[in-house]
Amino acid sequence: MTQIKKSEMDYRLSKMMVDYLHSSGVINKRDRDKAINRLLKVYEPIIGMLEAEHGK
């Protein structure tokens, strides 16, 4: 369960950083969308696998 929470927090923190970069004008909307899609590709399988292991 701790691994699930850590992966979820890592994803949320990374997404917040991407959103901040977008809102401050460092990256554009297209780059923001690409970055979020990359994050989802990394963290969704990890969280799904860990939830399956723990019967959630």
N, C-alpha and C. Protein backbone atom coordinates (compact mmCIF):
# COMPACT_ATOMS: atom_id res chain seq x y z
N MET A 1 0.82 -1.19 0.00
CA MET A 1 0.00 0.00 0.00
C MET A 1 0.87 1.26 0.00
N THR A 2 1.99 1.21 0.67
CA THR A 2 2.89 2.36 0.71
C THR A 2 3.43 2.68 -0.68
N GLN A 3 3.72 1.65 -1.46
CA GLN A 3 4.22 1.86 -2.82
C GLN A 3 3.18 2.54 -3.69
N ILE A 4 1.91 2.19 -3.50
CA ILE A 4 0.84 2.81 -4.26
C ILE A 4 0.78 4.30 -3.95
N LYS A 5 0.81 4.62 -2.68
CA LYS A 5 0.75 6.03 -2.26
C LYS A 5 1.96 6.80 -2.77
N LYS A 6 3.14 6.19 -2.71
CA LYS A 6 4.35 6.88 -3.19
C LYS A 6 4.26 7.15 -4.69
N SER A 7 3.83 6.15 -5.46
CA SER A 7 3.69 6.34 -6.91
C SER A 7 2.65 7.39 -7.22
N GLU A 8 1.55 7.38 -6.47
CA GLU A 8 0.51 8.37 -6.68
C GLU A 8 1.03 9.78 -6.36
N MET A 9 1.76 9.90 -5.27
CA MET A 9 2.31 11.21 -4.89
C MET A 9 3.36 11.68 -5.90
N ASP A 10 4.18 10.76 -6.40
CA ASP A 10 5.16 11.12 -7.42
C ASP A 10 4.47 11.66 -8.67
N TYR A 11 3.38 10.99 -9.07
CA TYR A 11 2.63 11.44 -10.23
C TYR A 11 2.03 12.82 -9.98
N ARG A 12 1.39 12.99 -8.83
CA ARG A 12 0.75 14.27 -8.53
C ARG A 12 1.75 15.41 -8.48
N LEU A 13 2.89 15.17 -7.86
CA LEU A 13 3.93 16.20 -7.77
C LEU A 13 4.46 16.56 -9.16
N SER A 14 4.70 15.55 -9.97
CA SER A 14 5.18 15.80 -11.33
C SER A 14 4.15 16.57 -12.15
N LYS A 15 2.88 16.20 -12.01
CA LYS A 15 1.82 16.89 -12.73
C LYS A 15 1.69 18.34 -12.27
N MET A 16 1.82 18.57 -10.97
CA MET A 16 1.77 19.94 -10.47
C MET A 16 2.90 20.78 -11.05
N MET A 17 4.07 20.18 -11.18
CA MET A 17 5.21 20.91 -11.75
C MET A 17 4.95 21.26 -13.21
N VAL A 18 4.42 20.31 -13.96
CA VAL A 18 4.09 20.56 -15.37
C VAL A 18 3.04 21.67 -15.47
N ASP A 19 2.02 21.60 -14.62
CA ASP A 19 0.98 22.63 -14.63
C ASP A 19 1.56 24.01 -14.28
N TYR A 20 2.48 24.04 -13.33
CA TYR A 20 3.13 25.30 -12.96
C TYR A 20 3.95 25.85 -14.12
N LEU A 21 4.71 25.00 -14.78
CA LEU A 21 5.50 25.46 -15.93
C LEU A 21 4.60 26.01 -17.02
N HIS A 22 3.47 25.38 -17.22
CA HIS A 22 2.52 25.85 -18.23
C HIS A 22 1.91 27.19 -17.82
N SER A 23 1.49 27.31 -16.57
CA SER A 23 0.84 28.55 -16.12
C SER A 23 1.81 29.73 -16.08
N SER A 24 3.09 29.45 -15.90
CA SER A 24 4.08 30.54 -15.87
C SER A 24 4.63 30.85 -17.26
N GLY A 25 4.16 30.12 -18.28
CA GLY A 25 4.54 30.43 -19.64
C GLY A 25 5.84 29.80 -20.11
N VAL A 26 6.41 28.90 -19.31
CA VAL A 26 7.67 28.25 -19.68
C VAL A 26 7.44 27.23 -20.79
N ILE A 27 6.31 26.51 -20.71
CA ILE A 27 5.97 25.54 -21.75
C ILE A 27 4.57 25.87 -22.29
N ASN A 28 4.31 25.47 -23.52
CA ASN A 28 2.99 25.74 -24.10
C ASN A 28 2.04 24.57 -23.82
N LYS A 29 0.78 24.71 -24.23
CA LYS A 29 -0.24 23.70 -23.94
C LYS A 29 0.11 22.36 -24.57
N ARG A 30 0.62 22.37 -25.77
CA ARG A 30 0.97 21.11 -26.44
C ARG A 30 2.05 20.36 -25.66
N ASP A 31 3.08 21.09 -25.21
CA ASP A 31 4.14 20.46 -24.43
C ASP A 31 3.61 19.96 -23.09
N ARG A 32 2.68 20.72 -22.48
CA ARG A 32 2.06 20.30 -21.22
C ARG A 32 1.31 18.98 -21.43
N ASP A 33 0.52 18.90 -22.48
CA ASP A 33 -0.24 17.70 -22.76
C ASP A 33 0.67 16.50 -23.01
N LYS A 34 1.74 16.71 -23.74
CA LYS A 34 2.71 15.64 -24.00
C LYS A 34 3.34 15.14 -22.70
N ALA A 35 3.72 16.09 -21.84
CA ALA A 35 4.36 15.73 -20.58
C ALA A 35 3.40 14.94 -19.69
N ILE A 36 2.14 15.35 -19.63
CA ILE A 36 1.17 14.63 -18.81
C ILE A 36 0.92 13.24 -19.37
N ASN A 37 0.86 13.11 -20.68
CA ASN A 37 0.69 11.78 -21.28
C ASN A 37 1.87 10.87 -20.95
N ARG A 38 3.09 11.43 -20.97
CA ARG A 38 4.27 10.63 -20.59
C ARG A 38 4.18 10.19 -19.14
N LEU A 39 3.75 11.10 -18.25
CA LEU A 39 3.60 10.75 -16.84
C LEU A 39 2.58 9.63 -16.66
N LEU A 40 1.47 9.72 -17.36
CA LEU A 40 0.45 8.68 -17.25
C LEU A 40 0.97 7.34 -17.74
N LYS A 41 1.74 7.34 -18.80
CA LYS A 41 2.31 6.09 -19.32
C LYS A 41 3.25 5.45 -18.31
N VAL A 42 3.93 6.28 -17.52
CA VAL A 42 4.87 5.77 -16.52
C VAL A 42 4.13 5.29 -15.28
N TYR A 43 3.23 6.11 -14.74
CA TYR A 43 2.66 5.83 -13.43
C TYR A 43 1.39 4.99 -13.44
N GLU A 44 0.57 5.04 -14.47
CA GLU A 44 -0.65 4.23 -14.48
C GLU A 44 -0.36 2.73 -14.38
N PRO A 45 0.57 2.19 -15.16
CA PRO A 45 0.84 0.74 -15.04
C PRO A 45 1.37 0.36 -13.66
N ILE A 46 2.20 1.21 -13.08
CA ILE A 46 2.77 0.91 -11.76
C ILE A 46 1.67 0.86 -10.72
N ILE A 47 0.82 1.88 -10.71
CA ILE A 47 -0.25 1.93 -9.72
C ILE A 47 -1.24 0.79 -9.94
N GLY A 48 -1.58 0.51 -11.19
CA GLY A 48 -2.49 -0.59 -11.48
C GLY A 48 -1.93 -1.94 -11.04
N MET A 49 -0.66 -2.17 -11.28
CA MET A 49 -0.02 -3.42 -10.90
C MET A 49 0.02 -3.56 -9.38
N LEU A 50 0.35 -2.49 -8.68
CA LEU A 50 0.42 -2.55 -7.22
C LEU A 50 -0.96 -2.74 -6.61
N GLU A 51 -1.97 -2.09 -7.17
CA GLU A 51 -3.33 -2.28 -6.66
C GLU A 51 -3.79 -3.71 -6.86
N ALA A 52 -3.45 -4.31 -7.99
CA ALA A 52 -3.82 -5.70 -8.25
C ALA A 52 -3.15 -6.66 -7.25
N GLU A 53 -1.89 -6.37 -6.93
CA GLU A 53 -1.17 -7.20 -5.96
C GLU A 53 -1.80 -7.14 -4.58
N HIS A 54 -2.30 -5.98 -4.24
CA HIS A 54 -2.84 -5.78 -2.88
C HIS A 54 -4.34 -5.96 -2.82
N GLY A 55 -4.93 -6.41 -3.93
CA GLY A 55 -6.36 -6.71 -3.93
C GLY A 55 -7.25 -5.50 -3.78
N LYS A 56 -6.83 -4.39 -4.29
CA LYS A 56 -7.63 -3.17 -4.17
C LYS A 56 -8.57 -3.03 -5.31
